[in-house]
């Protein structure tokens, strides 16, 4: 008991009659703008800073990396 082609066509016809062609194209344009904005926002995210690799001295103790004194915060 799925949707046949006739059901889909009737459903689309009812939607067009209720909303009109102009309103549907306006909604699709707004949806496309939202998707573009979302993708741009995802691309603009800064990558997560990784911890620098830790080194071990001859005694097996971890050596802390030198801190960058030029950065504030």
C-alpha atoms as a PDB file:
ATOM      1  CA  UNK A   1       0.000   0.000   0.000  1.00  0.00           C
ATOM      2  CA  UNK A   2       2.439   2.619  -1.210  1.00  0.00           C
ATOM      3  CA  UNK A   3       1.981   5.853  -3.031  1.00  0.00           C
ATOM      4  CA  UNK A   4       1.278   5.434  -6.709  1.00  0.00           C
ATOM      5  CA  UNK A   5       2.146   7.988  -9.387  1.00  0.00           C
ATOM      6  CA  UNK A   6      -1.483   9.166  -9.413  1.00  0.00           C
ATOM      7  CA  UNK A   7      -1.400   9.873  -5.677  1.00  0.00           C
ATOM      8  CA  UNK A   8       1.834  11.840  -5.974  1.00  0.00           C
ATOM      9  CA  UNK A   9       0.491  13.933  -8.873  1.00  0.00           C
ATOM     10  CA  UNK A  10      -2.736  14.704  -6.997  1.00  0.00           C
ATOM     11  CA  UNK A  11      -0.787  15.631  -3.886  1.00  0.00           C
ATOM     12  CA  UNK A  12       1.470  17.999  -5.853  1.00  0.00           C
ATOM     13  CA  UNK A  13      -1.578  19.541  -7.547  1.00  0.00           C
ATOM     14  CA  UNK A  14      -3.227  20.222  -4.182  1.00  0.00           C
ATOM     15  CA  UNK A  15      -0.020  21.771  -2.816  1.00  0.00           C
ATOM     16  CA  UNK A  16       0.300  24.061  -5.860  1.00  0.00           C
ATOM     17  CA  UNK A  17      -3.352  25.086  -5.573  1.00  0.00           C
ATOM     18  CA  UNK A  18      -3.013  25.858  -1.863  1.00  0.00           C
ATOM     19  CA  UNK A  19       0.260  27.756  -1.916  1.00  0.00           C
ATOM     20  CA  UNK A  20       0.609  28.943  -5.503  1.00  0.00           C
ATOM     21  CA  UNK A  21       3.667  28.679  -7.717  1.00  0.00           C
ATOM     22  CA  UNK A  22       5.207  31.951  -6.500  1.00  0.00           C
ATOM     23  CA  UNK A  23       5.122  31.004  -2.833  1.00  0.00           C
ATOM     24  CA  UNK A  24       6.650  27.570  -3.467  1.00  0.00           C
ATOM     25  CA  UNK A  25       9.541  29.016  -5.507  1.00  0.00           C
ATOM     26  CA  UNK A  26      10.093  31.642  -2.777  1.00  0.00           C
ATOM     27  CA  UNK A  27      10.244  28.918  -0.115  1.00  0.00           C
ATOM     28  CA  UNK A  28      12.705  26.872  -2.187  1.00  0.00           C
ATOM     29  CA  UNK A  29      14.908  29.959  -2.669  1.00  0.00           C
ATOM     30  CA  UNK A  30      14.908  30.610   1.075  1.00  0.00           C
ATOM     31  CA  UNK A  31      15.769  26.968   1.723  1.00  0.00           C
ATOM     32  CA  UNK A  32      18.697  27.149  -0.726  1.00  0.00           C
ATOM     33  CA  UNK A  33      19.997  30.326   0.962  1.00  0.00           C
ATOM     34  CA  UNK A  34      19.797  28.625   4.343  1.00  0.00           C
ATOM     35  CA  UNK A  35      21.746  25.608   3.119  1.00  0.00           C
ATOM     36  CA  UNK A  36      24.434  27.839   1.564  1.00  0.00           C
ATOM     37  CA  UNK A  37      24.707  29.822   4.785  1.00  0.00           C
ATOM     38  CA  UNK A  38      25.011  26.622   6.821  1.00  0.00           C
ATOM     39  CA  UNK A  39      27.742  25.235   4.569  1.00  0.00           C
ATOM     40  CA  UNK A  40      29.634  28.533   4.699  1.00  0.00           C
ATOM     41  CA  UNK A  41      29.388  28.553   8.485  1.00  0.00           C
ATOM     42  CA  UNK A  42      30.714  25.020   8.689  1.00  0.00           C
ATOM     43  CA  UNK A  43      33.647  25.896   6.399  1.00  0.00           C
ATOM     44  CA  UNK A  44      34.504  28.989   8.461  1.00  0.00           C
ATOM     45  CA  UNK A  45      34.982  27.018  11.685  1.00  0.00           C
ATOM     46  CA  UNK A  46      38.514  27.149  12.985  1.00  0.00           C
ATOM     47  CA  UNK A  47      40.258  23.791  13.269  1.00  0.00           C
ATOM     48  CA  UNK A  48      40.692  22.477  16.781  1.00  0.00           C
ATOM     49  CA  UNK A  49      44.185  23.123  18.068  1.00  0.00           C
ATOM     50  CA  UNK A  50      46.044  19.921  18.807  1.00  0.00           C
ATOM     51  CA  UNK A  51      48.369  19.495  21.733  1.00  0.00           C
ATOM     52  CA  UNK A  52      52.020  19.603  20.680  1.00  0.00           C
ATOM     53  CA  UNK A  53      53.743  16.218  20.705  1.00  0.00           C
ATOM     54  CA  UNK A  54      55.374  15.370  23.991  1.00  0.00           C
ATOM     55  CA  UNK A  55      58.994  14.405  24.080  1.00  0.00           C
ATOM     56  CA  UNK A  56      60.706  12.236  26.666  1.00  0.00           C
ATOM     57  CA  UNK A  57      64.126  12.884  28.111  1.00  0.00           C
ATOM     58  CA  UNK A  58      66.757  10.182  28.738  1.00  0.00           C
ATOM     59  CA  UNK A  59      65.325   9.434  32.181  1.00  0.00           C
ATOM     60  CA  UNK A  60      61.899   8.721  30.688  1.00  0.00           C
ATOM     61  CA  UNK A  61      60.306  11.909  32.009  1.00  0.00           C
ATOM     62  CA  UNK A  62      58.085  13.978  29.705  1.00  0.00           C
ATOM     63  CA  UNK A  63      59.498  17.330  28.648  1.00  0.00           C
ATOM     64  CA  UNK A  64      56.932  20.131  28.650  1.00  0.00           C
ATOM     65  CA  UNK A  65      56.947  22.252  25.479  1.00  0.00           C
ATOM     66  CA  UNK A  66      58.030  25.872  25.803  1.00  0.00           C
ATOM     67  CA  UNK A  67      55.133  28.288  26.052  1.00  0.00           C
ATOM     68  CA  UNK A  68      54.691  30.935  23.391  1.00  0.00           C
ATOM     69  CA  UNK A  69      55.055  34.257  25.196  1.00  0.00           C
ATOM     70  CA  UNK A  70      53.881  36.329  22.204  1.00  0.00           C
ATOM     71  CA  UNK A  71      50.282  35.183  22.583  1.00  0.00           C
ATOM     72  CA  UNK A  72      48.036  36.764  25.173  1.00  0.00           C
ATOM     73  CA  UNK A  73      45.207  35.091  26.949  1.00  0.00           C
END
